[in-house]
Amino acid sequence: MNIEDVIVVIDSKNNVPIRLTYKQWVHIIDTHDYMSGCMDMVIETLSEPDCIARGWTDELIALKDYAKTIISRKTVVVVYKESLDSGFVITAFMTSKPENIRRRGVIWQK
């Protein structure tokens, strides 16, 4: 498998295909080892978020609350970029303080 190989393409709420590459998945699980068994949650958070918040520059942040994860009750956070016709996942993690991210400005809510 090439490090740039695409594992999955997920359509965002804006119907933009977002790539999750092997390289980014390795980055996610190296940085947040508890995410290693949670790719399905990352995919679901991106395709069916509870809300989308503003990122630091031009990123978008998808959030989805889960009553039960491998840790406990958490919100899955997926940071990604999208252009008119494509995009990619930057990182993903879990948080127990989603309000800190929502405070950046919610631009879409379920």
N, C-alpha and C. Protein backbone atom coordinates (compact mmCIF):
# COMPACT_ATOMS: atom_id res chain seq x y z
N MET A 1 0.85 -1.18 0.00
CA MET A 1 0.00 0.00 0.00
C MET A 1 0.89 1.25 0.00
N ASN A 2 0.63 2.14 -0.91
CA ASN A 2 1.34 3.42 -0.99
C ASN A 2 0.80 4.35 0.10
N ILE A 3 1.68 5.12 0.70
CA ILE A 3 1.29 6.03 1.79
C ILE A 3 0.23 7.04 1.36
N GLU A 4 0.19 7.37 0.05
CA GLU A 4 -0.80 8.32 -0.46
C GLU A 4 -2.09 7.63 -0.91
N ASP A 5 -2.15 6.32 -0.80
CA ASP A 5 -3.35 5.59 -1.23
C ASP A 5 -4.57 6.06 -0.44
N VAL A 6 -5.68 6.14 -1.13
CA VAL A 6 -6.93 6.55 -0.50
C VAL A 6 -7.59 5.32 0.12
N ILE A 7 -7.93 5.40 1.38
CA ILE A 7 -8.62 4.31 2.06
C ILE A 7 -10.11 4.37 1.73
N VAL A 8 -10.67 5.57 1.84
CA VAL A 8 -12.11 5.75 1.61
C VAL A 8 -12.36 7.20 1.18
N VAL A 9 -13.43 7.39 0.42
CA VAL A 9 -13.89 8.72 0.04
C VAL A 9 -15.29 8.89 0.63
N ILE A 10 -15.47 9.97 1.39
CA ILE A 10 -16.73 10.23 2.07
C ILE A 10 -17.30 11.54 1.53
N ASP A 11 -18.58 11.55 1.21
CA ASP A 11 -19.21 12.79 0.76
C ASP A 11 -19.55 13.65 1.99
N SER A 12 -19.07 14.90 1.96
CA SER A 12 -19.36 15.83 3.05
C SER A 12 -20.80 16.33 2.94
N LYS A 13 -21.21 17.13 3.91
CA LYS A 13 -22.55 17.73 3.89
C LYS A 13 -22.75 18.62 2.68
N ASN A 14 -21.65 19.13 2.11
CA ASN A 14 -21.71 19.97 0.90
C ASN A 14 -21.61 19.12 -0.37
N ASN A 15 -21.74 17.79 -0.22
CA ASN A 15 -21.60 16.85 -1.34
C ASN A 15 -20.26 16.95 -2.04
N VAL A 16 -19.21 17.22 -1.27
CA VAL A 16 -17.85 17.24 -1.79
C VAL A 16 -17.18 15.94 -1.35
N PRO A 17 -16.54 15.21 -2.29
CA PRO A 17 -15.85 13.97 -1.91
C PRO A 17 -14.59 14.28 -1.09
N ILE A 18 -14.54 13.75 0.12
CA ILE A 18 -13.42 13.97 1.05
C ILE A 18 -12.61 12.68 1.15
N ARG A 19 -11.31 12.76 0.86
CA ARG A 19 -10.42 11.60 0.90
C ARG A 19 -9.85 11.39 2.30
N LEU A 20 -9.84 10.13 2.71
CA LEU A 20 -9.07 9.73 3.88
C LEU A 20 -7.96 8.83 3.35
N THR A 21 -6.71 9.31 3.42
CA THR A 21 -5.58 8.54 2.89
C THR A 21 -4.96 7.69 3.99
N TYR A 22 -4.20 6.71 3.57
CA TYR A 22 -3.46 5.87 4.49
C TYR A 22 -2.52 6.74 5.35
N LYS A 23 -1.87 7.72 4.71
CA LYS A 23 -0.94 8.61 5.43
C LYS A 23 -1.65 9.34 6.56
N GLN A 24 -2.84 9.89 6.29
CA GLN A 24 -3.57 10.62 7.32
C GLN A 24 -4.09 9.69 8.41
N TRP A 25 -4.51 8.48 8.03
CA TRP A 25 -4.99 7.54 9.04
C TRP A 25 -3.85 7.17 9.99
N VAL A 26 -2.65 6.95 9.43
CA VAL A 26 -1.49 6.65 10.27
C VAL A 26 -1.20 7.83 11.20
N HIS A 27 -1.29 9.05 10.68
CA HIS A 27 -1.10 10.25 11.51
C HIS A 27 -2.13 10.27 12.65
N ILE A 28 -3.38 9.99 12.33
CA ILE A 28 -4.45 10.02 13.34
C ILE A 28 -4.18 9.00 14.44
N ILE A 29 -3.86 7.77 14.07
CA ILE A 29 -3.68 6.74 15.11
C ILE A 29 -2.33 6.84 15.82
N ASP A 30 -1.34 7.47 15.17
CA ASP A 30 -0.07 7.73 15.87
C ASP A 30 -0.25 8.82 16.91
N THR A 31 -1.03 9.84 16.57
CA THR A 31 -1.25 10.97 17.47
C THR A 31 -2.28 10.66 18.55
N HIS A 32 -3.30 9.89 18.19
CA HIS A 32 -4.39 9.54 19.10
C HIS A 32 -4.61 8.04 19.01
N ASP A 33 -3.80 7.25 19.72
CA ASP A 33 -3.81 5.79 19.57
C ASP A 33 -5.17 5.17 19.84
N TYR A 34 -5.99 5.80 20.68
CA TYR A 34 -7.33 5.27 20.98
C TYR A 34 -8.24 5.27 19.76
N MET A 35 -7.87 5.99 18.70
CA MET A 35 -8.70 6.07 17.49
C MET A 35 -8.51 4.86 16.56
N SER A 36 -7.54 3.99 16.85
CA SER A 36 -7.18 2.92 15.91
C SER A 36 -8.34 2.03 15.50
N GLY A 37 -9.30 1.79 16.35
CA GLY A 37 -10.44 0.95 15.98
C GLY A 37 -11.69 1.74 15.63
N CYS A 38 -11.53 3.02 15.34
CA CYS A 38 -12.68 3.91 15.22
C CYS A 38 -12.86 4.54 13.84
N MET A 39 -12.33 3.91 12.80
CA MET A 39 -12.47 4.50 11.47
C MET A 39 -13.94 4.65 11.08
N ASP A 40 -14.79 3.71 11.49
CA ASP A 40 -16.21 3.81 11.17
C ASP A 40 -16.84 5.07 11.79
N MET A 41 -16.40 5.45 12.98
CA MET A 41 -16.90 6.67 13.62
C MET A 41 -16.41 7.91 12.88
N VAL A 42 -15.19 7.88 12.37
CA VAL A 42 -14.66 9.00 11.59
C VAL A 42 -15.48 9.17 10.32
N ILE A 43 -15.75 8.07 9.64
CA ILE A 43 -16.54 8.10 8.41
C ILE A 43 -17.94 8.62 8.69
N GLU A 44 -18.57 8.10 9.75
CA GLU A 44 -19.94 8.52 10.09
C GLU A 44 -19.98 9.99 10.51
N THR A 45 -18.98 10.43 11.25
CA THR A 45 -18.94 11.83 11.70
C THR A 45 -18.84 12.77 10.50
N LEU A 46 -18.05 12.39 9.51
CA LEU A 46 -17.90 13.23 8.33
C LEU A 46 -19.14 13.21 7.44
N SER A 47 -19.76 12.05 7.31
CA SER A 47 -20.92 11.95 6.41
C SER A 47 -22.23 12.37 7.08
N GLU A 48 -22.34 12.20 8.40
CA GLU A 48 -23.58 12.52 9.12
C GLU A 48 -23.29 13.27 10.42
N PRO A 49 -22.66 14.44 10.34
CA PRO A 49 -22.29 15.16 11.57
C PRO A 49 -23.52 15.73 12.30
N ASP A 50 -23.33 16.00 13.59
CA ASP A 50 -24.36 16.73 14.34
C ASP A 50 -24.24 18.22 14.03
N CYS A 51 -23.00 18.67 13.82
CA CYS A 51 -22.77 20.06 13.43
C CYS A 51 -21.41 20.18 12.76
N ILE A 52 -21.23 21.31 12.08
CA ILE A 52 -19.95 21.63 11.46
C ILE A 52 -19.55 23.01 11.96
N ALA A 53 -18.32 23.10 12.46
CA ALA A 53 -17.81 24.37 12.99
C ALA A 53 -16.67 24.89 12.11
N ARG A 54 -16.38 26.17 12.30
CA ARG A 54 -15.25 26.79 11.58
C ARG A 54 -13.94 26.25 12.13
N GLY A 55 -12.96 26.13 11.24
CA GLY A 55 -11.61 25.74 11.65
C GLY A 55 -10.77 26.96 11.98
N TRP A 56 -9.47 26.78 12.01
CA TRP A 56 -8.55 27.84 12.37
C TRP A 56 -8.33 28.80 11.21
N THR A 57 -8.25 28.27 9.98
CA THR A 57 -8.15 29.11 8.79
C THR A 57 -9.31 28.76 7.87
N ASP A 58 -9.08 27.87 6.92
CA ASP A 58 -10.17 27.48 6.00
C ASP A 58 -10.62 26.04 6.20
N GLU A 59 -10.24 25.43 7.31
CA GLU A 59 -10.69 24.07 7.60
C GLU A 59 -12.13 24.08 8.09
N LEU A 60 -12.74 22.92 7.99
CA LEU A 60 -14.06 22.68 8.57
C LEU A 60 -13.89 21.61 9.63
N ILE A 61 -14.75 21.64 10.65
CA ILE A 61 -14.66 20.67 11.74
C ILE A 61 -16.03 20.03 11.93
N ALA A 62 -16.10 18.73 11.63
CA ALA A 62 -17.34 17.98 11.82
C ALA A 62 -17.33 17.37 13.22
N LEU A 63 -18.47 17.45 13.91
CA LEU A 63 -18.60 16.89 15.25
C LEU A 63 -19.82 15.98 15.32
N LYS A 64 -19.66 14.87 16.02
CA LYS A 64 -20.78 13.95 16.24
C LYS A 64 -20.65 13.37 17.63
N ASP A 65 -21.74 13.46 18.40
CA ASP A 65 -21.77 12.92 19.76
C ASP A 65 -22.06 11.43 19.72
N TYR A 66 -21.33 10.70 20.55
CA TYR A 66 -21.54 9.26 20.70
C TYR A 66 -21.74 8.95 22.18
N ALA A 67 -22.84 8.30 22.50
CA ALA A 67 -23.13 7.93 23.89
C ALA A 67 -22.10 6.93 24.41
N LYS A 68 -21.56 6.12 23.48
CA LYS A 68 -20.59 5.10 23.89
C LYS A 68 -19.49 5.01 22.84
N THR A 69 -18.25 5.12 23.28
CA THR A 69 -17.07 4.88 22.43
C THR A 69 -16.18 3.89 23.17
N ILE A 70 -15.00 3.62 22.63
CA ILE A 70 -14.09 2.71 23.33
C ILE A 70 -13.57 3.33 24.62
N ILE A 71 -13.72 4.65 24.77
CA ILE A 71 -13.28 5.33 25.99
C ILE A 71 -14.46 5.52 26.93
N SER A 72 -15.45 6.27 26.49
CA SER A 72 -16.66 6.59 27.26
C SER A 72 -17.54 7.43 26.35
N ARG A 73 -18.46 8.18 26.92
CA ARG A 73 -19.26 9.12 26.12
C ARG A 73 -18.32 10.21 25.61
N LYS A 74 -18.27 10.41 24.30
CA LYS A 74 -17.36 11.38 23.69
C LYS A 74 -17.98 11.98 22.44
N THR A 75 -17.38 13.06 21.98
CA THR A 75 -17.71 13.65 20.69
C THR A 75 -16.54 13.38 19.77
N VAL A 76 -16.83 12.80 18.60
CA VAL A 76 -15.79 12.58 17.60
C VAL A 76 -15.67 13.86 16.79
N VAL A 77 -14.42 14.26 16.56
CA VAL A 77 -14.09 15.49 15.85
C VAL A 77 -13.27 15.12 14.61
N VAL A 78 -13.70 15.58 13.43
CA VAL A 78 -12.95 15.35 12.20
C VAL A 78 -12.66 16.71 11.58
N VAL A 79 -11.37 17.01 11.44
CA VAL A 79 -10.93 18.26 10.82
C VAL A 79 -10.60 17.95 9.36
N TYR A 80 -11.17 18.75 8.45
CA TYR A 80 -10.96 18.48 7.03
C TYR A 80 -10.99 19.77 6.23
N LYS A 81 -10.50 19.69 5.00
CA LYS A 81 -10.56 20.81 4.06
C LYS A 81 -11.36 20.36 2.87
N GLU A 82 -12.09 21.31 2.27
CA GLU A 82 -12.78 21.00 1.03
C GLU A 82 -12.70 22.20 0.10
N SER A 83 -12.61 21.89 -1.21
CA SER A 83 -12.69 22.91 -2.24
C SER A 83 -14.00 22.66 -2.98
N LEU A 84 -14.15 23.20 -4.16
CA LEU A 84 -15.40 23.00 -4.90
C LEU A 84 -15.64 21.55 -5.29
N ASP A 85 -14.56 20.81 -5.59
CA ASP A 85 -14.75 19.46 -6.13
C ASP A 85 -14.04 18.34 -5.37
N SER A 86 -13.25 18.65 -4.35
CA SER A 86 -12.59 17.59 -3.59
C SER A 86 -12.11 18.12 -2.24
N GLY A 87 -11.71 17.19 -1.39
CA GLY A 87 -11.22 17.57 -0.08
C GLY A 87 -10.49 16.42 0.57
N PHE A 88 -9.98 16.65 1.77
CA PHE A 88 -9.23 15.61 2.46
C PHE A 88 -9.33 15.79 3.97
N VAL A 89 -9.17 14.67 4.68
CA VAL A 89 -9.17 14.66 6.15
C VAL A 89 -7.79 15.10 6.61
N ILE A 90 -7.76 16.01 7.57
CA ILE A 90 -6.51 16.45 8.18
C ILE A 90 -6.20 15.61 9.42
N THR A 91 -7.18 15.54 10.33
CA THR A 91 -7.00 14.74 11.53
C THR A 91 -8.36 14.42 12.13
N ALA A 92 -8.36 13.57 13.14
CA ALA A 92 -9.58 13.21 13.86
C ALA A 92 -9.19 12.82 15.28
N PHE A 93 -10.10 13.09 16.21
CA PHE A 93 -9.86 12.75 17.61
C PHE A 93 -11.19 12.77 18.35
N MET A 94 -11.16 12.42 19.62
CA MET A 94 -12.35 12.48 20.47
C MET A 94 -12.14 13.53 21.54
N THR A 95 -13.25 14.16 21.94
CA THR A 95 -13.18 15.16 23.00
C THR A 95 -14.38 15.01 23.93
N SER A 96 -14.18 15.43 25.16
CA SER A 96 -15.30 15.51 26.11
C SER A 96 -15.74 16.96 26.28
N LYS A 97 -15.11 17.88 25.51
CA LYS A 97 -15.44 19.30 25.59
C LYS A 97 -15.73 19.87 24.20
N PRO A 98 -16.79 19.37 23.54
CA PRO A 98 -17.10 19.87 22.20
C PRO A 98 -17.47 21.35 22.16
N GLU A 99 -17.89 21.90 23.30
CA GLU A 99 -18.27 23.31 23.33
C GLU A 99 -17.08 24.21 22.99
N ASN A 100 -15.85 23.75 23.28
CA ASN A 100 -14.66 24.53 22.93
C ASN A 100 -14.53 24.67 21.41
N ILE A 101 -14.94 23.65 20.68
CA ILE A 101 -14.88 23.69 19.22
C ILE A 101 -16.09 24.43 18.67
N ARG A 102 -17.26 24.17 19.23
CA ARG A 102 -18.48 24.86 18.78
C ARG A 102 -18.35 26.37 18.94
N ARG A 103 -17.59 26.79 19.94
CA ARG A 103 -17.39 28.21 20.21
C ARG A 103 -16.70 28.93 19.03
N ARG A 104 -16.02 28.18 18.19
CA ARG A 104 -15.35 28.76 17.01
C ARG A 104 -16.37 29.30 16.01
N GLY A 105 -17.60 28.81 16.12
CA GLY A 105 -18.66 29.24 15.21
C GLY A 105 -19.25 28.07 14.46
N VAL A 106 -20.48 27.73 14.78
CA VAL A 106 -21.17 26.64 14.09
C VAL A 106 -21.72 27.18 12.78
N ILE A 107 -21.35 26.54 11.67
CA ILE A 107 -21.82 27.01 10.36
C ILE A 107 -22.90 26.10 9.77
N TRP A 108 -23.10 24.92 10.40
CA TRP A 108 -24.18 24.02 10.00
C TRP A 108 -24.56 23.19 11.22
N GLN A 109 -25.86 23.01 11.42
CA GLN A 109 -26.35 22.23 12.57
C GLN A 109 -27.43 21.28 12.07
N LYS A 110 -27.44 20.06 12.59
CA LYS A 110 -28.47 19.08 12.22
C LYS A 110 -29.81 19.52 12.72
